[in-house]
PDB file of N, CA and C in Angstrom:
ATOM      1  N   MET A   1      -1.544 -23.424  -1.231  1.00  0.00           N
ATOM      2  CA  MET A   1      -1.326 -22.616  -0.039  1.00  0.00           C
ATOM      3  C   MET A   1      -1.750 -21.175  -0.328  1.00  0.00           C
ATOM      4  N   ASN A   2      -2.573 -20.614   0.509  1.00  0.00           N
ATOM      5  CA  ASN A   2      -3.035 -19.239   0.333  1.00  0.00           C
ATOM      6  C   ASN A   2      -1.960 -18.249   0.748  1.00  0.00           C
ATOM      7  N   LYS A   3      -1.823 -17.234  -0.065  1.00  0.00           N
ATOM      8  CA  LYS A   3      -0.868 -16.175   0.254  1.00  0.00           C
ATOM      9  C   LYS A   3      -1.517 -15.262   1.293  1.00  0.00           C
ATOM     10  N   LYS A   4      -0.785 -15.003   2.375  1.00  0.00           N
ATOM     11  CA  LYS A   4      -1.323 -14.135   3.422  1.00  0.00           C
ATOM     12  C   LYS A   4      -1.170 -12.673   3.005  1.00  0.00           C
ATOM     13  N   ALA A   5      -2.255 -11.949   3.082  1.00  0.00           N
ATOM     14  CA  ALA A   5      -2.219 -10.525   2.787  1.00  0.00           C
ATOM     15  C   ALA A   5      -1.663  -9.799   4.001  1.00  0.00           C
ATOM     16  N   ILE A   6      -0.466  -9.276   3.864  1.00  0.00           N
ATOM     17  CA  ILE A   6       0.182  -8.605   4.984  1.00  0.00           C
ATOM     18  C   ILE A   6      -0.252  -7.146   5.062  1.00  0.00           C
ATOM     19  N   ASN A   7      -0.322  -6.500   3.890  1.00  0.00           N
ATOM     20  CA  ASN A   7      -0.744  -5.103   3.912  1.00  0.00           C
ATOM     21  C   ASN A   7      -2.146  -4.947   3.333  1.00  0.00           C
ATOM     22  N   ARG A   8      -2.782  -3.841   3.675  1.00  0.00           N
ATOM     23  CA  ARG A   8      -4.137  -3.524   3.223  1.00  0.00           C
ATOM     24  C   ARG A   8      -4.123  -2.368   2.232  1.00  0.00           C
ATOM     25  N   LEU A   9      -3.005  -2.183   1.573  1.00  0.00           N
ATOM     26  CA  LEU A   9      -2.837  -1.030   0.704  1.00  0.00           C
ATOM     27  C   LEU A   9      -3.928  -0.926  -0.353  1.00  0.00           C
ATOM     28  N   LYS A  10      -4.224  -2.037  -0.996  1.00  0.00           N
ATOM     29  CA  LYS A  10      -5.252  -2.033  -2.045  1.00  0.00           C
ATOM     30  C   LYS A  10      -6.609  -1.592  -1.482  1.00  0.00           C
ATOM     31  N   VAL A  11      -6.961  -2.117  -0.320  1.00  0.00           N
ATOM     32  CA  VAL A  11      -8.237  -1.793   0.320  1.00  0.00           C
ATOM     33  C   VAL A  11      -8.307  -0.310   0.673  1.00  0.00           C
ATOM     34  N   VAL A  12      -7.224   0.203   1.248  1.00  0.00           N
ATOM     35  CA  VAL A  12      -7.203   1.611   1.659  1.00  0.00           C
ATOM     36  C   VAL A  12      -7.293   2.526   0.439  1.00  0.00           C
ATOM     37  N   LEU A  13      -6.605   2.167  -0.639  1.00  0.00           N
ATOM     38  CA  LEU A  13      -6.693   2.966  -1.868  1.00  0.00           C
ATOM     39  C   LEU A  13      -8.133   2.994  -2.381  1.00  0.00           C
ATOM     40  N   VAL A  14      -8.805   1.848  -2.362  1.00  0.00           N
ATOM     41  CA  VAL A  14     -10.202   1.784  -2.810  1.00  0.00           C
ATOM     42  C   VAL A  14     -11.086   2.630  -1.897  1.00  0.00           C
ATOM     43  N   GLU A  15     -10.889   2.499  -0.588  1.00  0.00           N
ATOM     44  CA  GLU A  15     -11.683   3.282   0.370  1.00  0.00           C
ATOM     45  C   GLU A  15     -11.522   4.782   0.138  1.00  0.00           C
ATOM     46  N   LYS A  16     -10.327   5.189  -0.263  1.00  0.00           N
ATOM     47  CA  LYS A  16     -10.042   6.612  -0.471  1.00  0.00           C
ATOM     48  C   LYS A  16     -10.281   7.032  -1.923  1.00  0.00           C
ATOM     49  N   ASN A  17     -10.734   6.079  -2.741  1.00  0.00           N
ATOM     50  CA  ASN A  17     -11.019   6.360  -4.148  1.00  0.00           C
ATOM     51  C   ASN A  17      -9.774   6.878  -4.884  1.00  0.00           C
ATOM     52  N   LEU A  18      -8.640   6.237  -4.601  1.00  0.00           N
ATOM     53  CA  LEU A  18      -7.379   6.611  -5.228  1.00  0.00           C
ATOM     54  C   LEU A  18      -6.825   5.431  -6.012  1.00  0.00           C
ATOM     55  N   SER A  19      -6.004   5.721  -7.001  1.00  0.00           N
ATOM     56  CA  SER A  19      -5.443   4.650  -7.836  1.00  0.00           C
ATOM     57  C   SER A  19      -4.000   4.356  -7.435  1.00  0.00           C
ATOM     58  N   SER A  20      -3.556   3.175  -7.815  1.00  0.00           N
ATOM     59  CA  SER A  20      -2.162   2.816  -7.571  1.00  0.00           C
ATOM     60  C   SER A  20      -1.253   3.711  -8.419  1.00  0.00           C
ATOM     61  N   LYS A  21      -1.746   4.130  -9.580  1.00  0.00           N
ATOM     62  CA  LYS A  21      -0.976   5.052 -10.430  1.00  0.00           C
ATOM     63  C   LYS A  21      -0.741   6.372  -9.687  1.00  0.00           C
ATOM     64  N   TRP A  22      -1.782   6.881  -9.048  1.00  0.00           N
ATOM     65  CA  TRP A  22      -1.669   8.122  -8.279  1.00  0.00           C
ATOM     66  C   TRP A  22      -0.628   7.966  -7.173  1.00  0.00           C
ATOM     67  N   LEU A  23      -0.706   6.837  -6.448  1.00  0.00           N
ATOM     68  CA  LEU A  23       0.241   6.602  -5.356  1.00  0.00           C
ATOM     69  C   LEU A  23       1.664   6.484  -5.896  1.00  0.00           C
ATOM     70  N   ALA A  24       1.820   5.832  -7.022  1.00  0.00           N
ATOM     71  CA  ALA A  24       3.142   5.702  -7.646  1.00  0.00           C
ATOM     72  C   ALA A  24       3.728   7.082  -7.937  1.00  0.00           C
ATOM     73  N   GLU A  25       2.888   7.983  -8.426  1.00  0.00           N
ATOM     74  CA  GLU A  25       3.346   9.351  -8.719  1.00  0.00           C
ATOM     75  C   GLU A  25       3.748  10.076  -7.431  1.00  0.00           C
ATOM     76  N   GLN A  26       2.973   9.895  -6.365  1.00  0.00           N
ATOM     77  CA  GLN A  26       3.277  10.551  -5.093  1.00  0.00           C
ATOM     78  C   GLN A  26       4.614  10.074  -4.520  1.00  0.00           C
ATOM     79  N   LEU A  27       4.898   8.790  -4.705  1.00  0.00           N
ATOM     80  CA  LEU A  27       6.106   8.190  -4.130  1.00  0.00           C
ATOM     81  C   LEU A  27       7.279   8.178  -5.102  1.00  0.00           C
ATOM     82  N   ASN A  28       7.018   8.624  -6.341  1.00  0.00           N
ATOM     83  CA  ASN A  28       8.041   8.573  -7.388  1.00  0.00           C
ATOM     84  C   ASN A  28       8.540   7.138  -7.589  1.00  0.00           C
ATOM     85  N   LYS A  29       7.574   6.218  -7.649  1.00  0.00           N
ATOM     86  CA  LYS A  29       7.878   4.795  -7.832  1.00  0.00           C
ATOM     87  C   LYS A  29       7.220   4.310  -9.114  1.00  0.00           C
ATOM     88  N   ASN A  30       7.681   3.173  -9.585  1.00  0.00           N
ATOM     89  CA  ASN A  30       7.093   2.541 -10.758  1.00  0.00           C
ATOM     90  C   ASN A  30       5.704   2.001 -10.389  1.00  0.00           C
ATOM     91  N   GLU A  31       4.762   2.156 -11.297  1.00  0.00           N
ATOM     92  CA  GLU A  31       3.404   1.671 -11.032  1.00  0.00           C
ATOM     93  C   GLU A  31       3.376   0.165 -10.789  1.00  0.00           C
ATOM     94  N   ALA A  32       4.261  -0.565 -11.446  1.00  0.00           N
ATOM     95  CA  ALA A  32       4.334  -2.025 -11.260  1.00  0.00           C
ATOM     96  C   ALA A  32       4.730  -2.372  -9.821  1.00  0.00           C
ATOM     97  N   THR A  33       5.581  -1.554  -9.241  1.00  0.00           N
ATOM     98  CA  THR A  33       5.997  -1.765  -7.845  1.00  0.00           C
ATOM     99  C   THR A  33       4.787  -1.634  -6.921  1.00  0.00           C
ATOM    100  N   ILE A  34       3.998  -0.587  -7.126  1.00  0.00           N
ATOM    101  CA  ILE A  34       2.803  -0.367  -6.298  1.00  0.00           C
ATOM    102  C   ILE A  34       1.840  -1.530  -6.469  1.00  0.00           C
ATOM    103  N   SER A  35       1.689  -1.978  -7.699  1.00  0.00           N
ATOM    104  CA  SER A  35       0.806  -3.106  -7.988  1.00  0.00           C
ATOM    105  C   SER A  35       1.238  -4.359  -7.223  1.00  0.00           C
ATOM    106  N   ARG A  36       2.528  -4.591  -7.167  1.00  0.00           N
ATOM    107  CA  ARG A  36       3.044  -5.766  -6.445  1.00  0.00           C
ATOM    108  C   ARG A  36       2.824  -5.626  -4.944  1.00  0.00           C
ATOM    109  N   TRP A  37       2.878  -4.390  -4.441  1.00  0.00           N
ATOM    110  CA  TRP A  37       2.565  -4.166  -3.025  1.00  0.00           C
ATOM    111  C   TRP A  37       1.093  -4.437  -2.786  1.00  0.00           C
ATOM    112  N   CYS A  38       0.239  -3.960  -3.704  1.00  0.00           N
ATOM    113  CA  CYS A  38      -1.217  -4.105  -3.550  1.00  0.00           C
ATOM    114  C   CYS A  38      -1.653  -5.567  -3.584  1.00  0.00           C
ATOM    115  N   THR A  39      -0.935  -6.380  -4.342  1.00  0.00           N
ATOM    116  CA  THR A  39      -1.283  -7.805  -4.419  1.00  0.00           C
ATOM    117  C   THR A  39      -0.515  -8.624  -3.379  1.00  0.00           C
ATOM    118  N   ASN A  40       0.277  -7.937  -2.565  1.00  0.00           N
ATOM    119  CA  ASN A  40       1.066  -8.582  -1.518  1.00  0.00           C
ATOM    120  C   ASN A  40       2.090  -9.577  -2.060  1.00  0.00           C
ATOM    121  N   ASP A  41       2.523  -9.364  -3.316  1.00  0.00           N
ATOM    122  CA  ASP A  41       3.621 -10.173  -3.854  1.00  0.00           C
ATOM    123  C   ASP A  41       4.924  -9.782  -3.172  1.00  0.00           C
ATOM    124  N   VAL A  42       5.059  -8.493  -2.918  1.00  0.00           N
ATOM    125  CA  VAL A  42       6.221  -7.943  -2.214  1.00  0.00           C
ATOM    126  C   VAL A  42       5.702  -6.927  -1.216  1.00  0.00           C
ATOM    127  N   GLN A  43       6.512  -6.633  -0.219  1.00  0.00           N
ATOM    128  CA  GLN A  43       6.110  -5.665   0.795  1.00  0.00           C
ATOM    129  C   GLN A  43       7.000  -4.426   0.709  1.00  0.00           C
ATOM    130  N   PRO A  44       6.390  -3.248   0.869  1.00  0.00           N
ATOM    131  CA  PRO A  44       7.211  -2.039   0.949  1.00  0.00           C
ATOM    132  C   PRO A  44       8.003  -2.044   2.244  1.00  0.00           C
ATOM    133  N   THR A  45       9.079  -1.282   2.278  1.00  0.00           N
ATOM    134  CA  THR A  45       9.859  -1.173   3.515  1.00  0.00           C
ATOM    135  C   THR A  45       9.016  -0.440   4.556  1.00  0.00           C
ATOM    136  N   LEU A  46       9.428  -0.545   5.794  1.00  0.00           N
ATOM    137  CA  LEU A  46       8.713   0.137   6.872  1.00  0.00           C
ATOM    138  C   LEU A  46       8.725   1.650   6.644  1.00  0.00           C
ATOM    139  N   ASN A  47       9.868   2.185   6.229  1.00  0.00           N
ATOM    140  CA  ASN A  47       9.954   3.624   5.940  1.00  0.00           C
ATOM    141  C   ASN A  47       8.967   4.022   4.858  1.00  0.00           C
ATOM    142  N   THR A  48       8.842   3.188   3.832  1.00  0.00           N
ATOM    143  CA  THR A  48       7.910   3.475   2.743  1.00  0.00           C
ATOM    144  C   THR A  48       6.473   3.394   3.238  1.00  0.00           C
ATOM    145  N   LEU A  49       6.182   2.417   4.070  1.00  0.00           N
ATOM    146  CA  LEU A  49       4.834   2.304   4.639  1.00  0.00           C
ATOM    147  C   LEU A  49       4.476   3.545   5.449  1.00  0.00           C
ATOM    148  N   VAL A  50       5.440   4.061   6.185  1.00  0.00           N
ATOM    149  CA  VAL A  50       5.214   5.281   6.967  1.00  0.00           C
ATOM    150  C   VAL A  50       4.885   6.438   6.026  1.00  0.00           C
ATOM    151  N   LYS A  51       5.647   6.559   4.917  1.00  0.00           N
ATOM    152  CA  LYS A  51       5.379   7.606   3.922  1.00  0.00           C
ATOM    153  C   LYS A  51       3.991   7.444   3.315  1.00  0.00           C
ATOM    154  N   ILE A  52       3.627   6.200   2.992  1.00  0.00           N
ATOM    155  CA  ILE A  52       2.310   5.928   2.401  1.00  0.00           C
ATOM    156  C   ILE A  52       1.203   6.349   3.369  1.00  0.00           C
ATOM    157  N   ALA A  53       1.372   6.004   4.638  1.00  0.00           N
ATOM    158  CA  ALA A  53       0.378   6.371   5.651  1.00  0.00           C
ATOM    159  C   ALA A  53       0.213   7.886   5.710  1.00  0.00           C
ATOM    160  N   GLU A  54       1.331   8.612   5.634  1.00  0.00           N
ATOM    161  CA  GLU A  54       1.272  10.079   5.655  1.00  0.00           C
ATOM    162  C   GLU A  54       0.558  10.600   4.413  1.00  0.00           C
ATOM    163  N   ILE A  55       0.919  10.074   3.257  1.00  0.00           N
ATOM    164  CA  ILE A  55       0.316  10.527   1.996  1.00  0.00           C
ATOM    165  C   ILE A  55      -1.195  10.267   1.987  1.00  0.00           C
ATOM    166  N   LEU A  56      -1.586   9.089   2.491  1.00  0.00           N
ATOM    167  CA  LEU A  56      -3.010   8.710   2.477  1.00  0.00           C
ATOM    168  C   LEU A  56      -3.762   9.251   3.698  1.00  0.00           C
ATOM    169  N   ASP A  57      -3.038   9.866   4.614  1.00  0.00           N
ATOM    170  CA  ASP A  57      -3.627  10.416   5.826  1.00  0.00           C
ATOM    171  C   ASP A  57      -4.375   9.350   6.631  1.00  0.00           C
ATOM    172  N   VAL A  58      -3.669   8.238   6.863  1.00  0.00           N
ATOM    173  CA  VAL A  58      -4.207   7.152   7.684  1.00  0.00           C
ATOM    174  C   VAL A  58      -3.150   6.763   8.713  1.00  0.00           C
ATOM    175  N   ASN A  59      -3.571   6.047   9.741  1.00  0.00           N
ATOM    176  CA  ASN A  59      -2.616   5.500  10.703  1.00  0.00           C
ATOM    177  C   ASN A  59      -1.850   4.367  10.037  1.00  0.00           C
ATOM    178  N   LEU A  60      -0.600   4.227  10.406  1.00  0.00           N
ATOM    179  CA  LEU A  60       0.219   3.142   9.866  1.00  0.00           C
ATOM    180  C   LEU A  60      -0.469   1.798  10.065  1.00  0.00           C
ATOM    181  N   THR A  61      -1.094   1.606  11.225  1.00  0.00           N
ATOM    182  CA  THR A  61      -1.751   0.331  11.511  1.00  0.00           C
ATOM    183  C   THR A  61      -2.910   0.043  10.548  1.00  0.00           C
ATOM    184  N   ASP A  62      -3.498   1.118   9.962  1.00  0.00           N
ATOM    185  CA  ASP A  62      -4.579   0.918   8.988  1.00  0.00           C
ATOM    186  C   ASP A  62      -4.087   0.239   7.710  1.00  0.00           C
ATOM    187  N   LEU A  63      -2.772   0.299   7.477  1.00  0.00           N
ATOM    188  CA  LEU A  63      -2.208  -0.314   6.275  1.00  0.00           C
ATOM    189  C   LEU A  63      -1.802  -1.769   6.482  1.00  0.00           C
ATOM    190  N   LEU A  64      -1.951  -2.239   7.722  1.00  0.00           N
ATOM    191  CA  LEU A  64      -1.493  -3.607   8.033  1.00  0.00           C
ATOM    192  C   LEU A  64      -2.662  -4.490   8.435  1.00  0.00           C
ATOM    193  N   ASN A  65      -2.611  -5.733   7.992  1.00  0.00           N
ATOM    194  CA  ASN A  65      -3.595  -6.722   8.427  1.00  0.00           C
ATOM    195  C   ASN A  65      -3.217  -7.218   9.799  1.00  0.00           C
ATOM    196  N   ASP A  66      -4.200  -7.371  10.668  1.00  0.00           N
ATOM    197  CA  ASP A  66      -3.892  -7.831  12.026  1.00  0.00           C
ATOM    198  C   ASP A  66      -4.249  -9.293  12.223  1.00  0.00           C
ATOM    199  N   LYS A  67      -4.536  -9.993  11.133  1.00  0.00           N
ATOM    200  CA  LYS A  67      -4.921 -11.406  11.263  1.00  0.00           C
ATOM    201  C   LYS A  67      -3.802 -12.304  10.796  1.00  0.00           C
TER     202      LYS A  67
END
């Protein structure tokens, strides 16, 4: 069974030429946590997604897959 990618965090980080380590520092989170979000093993909370969107200067919807 294929795991559905709910968030596009990894893609957006690549598009912005930023690392998960950088994002972890911005959010004061463990790098492993960001990695798990990027691989869609776990999802950040909605509040965290809003913060990520602000930090990356993207719309919240840009962080979500619509399929």
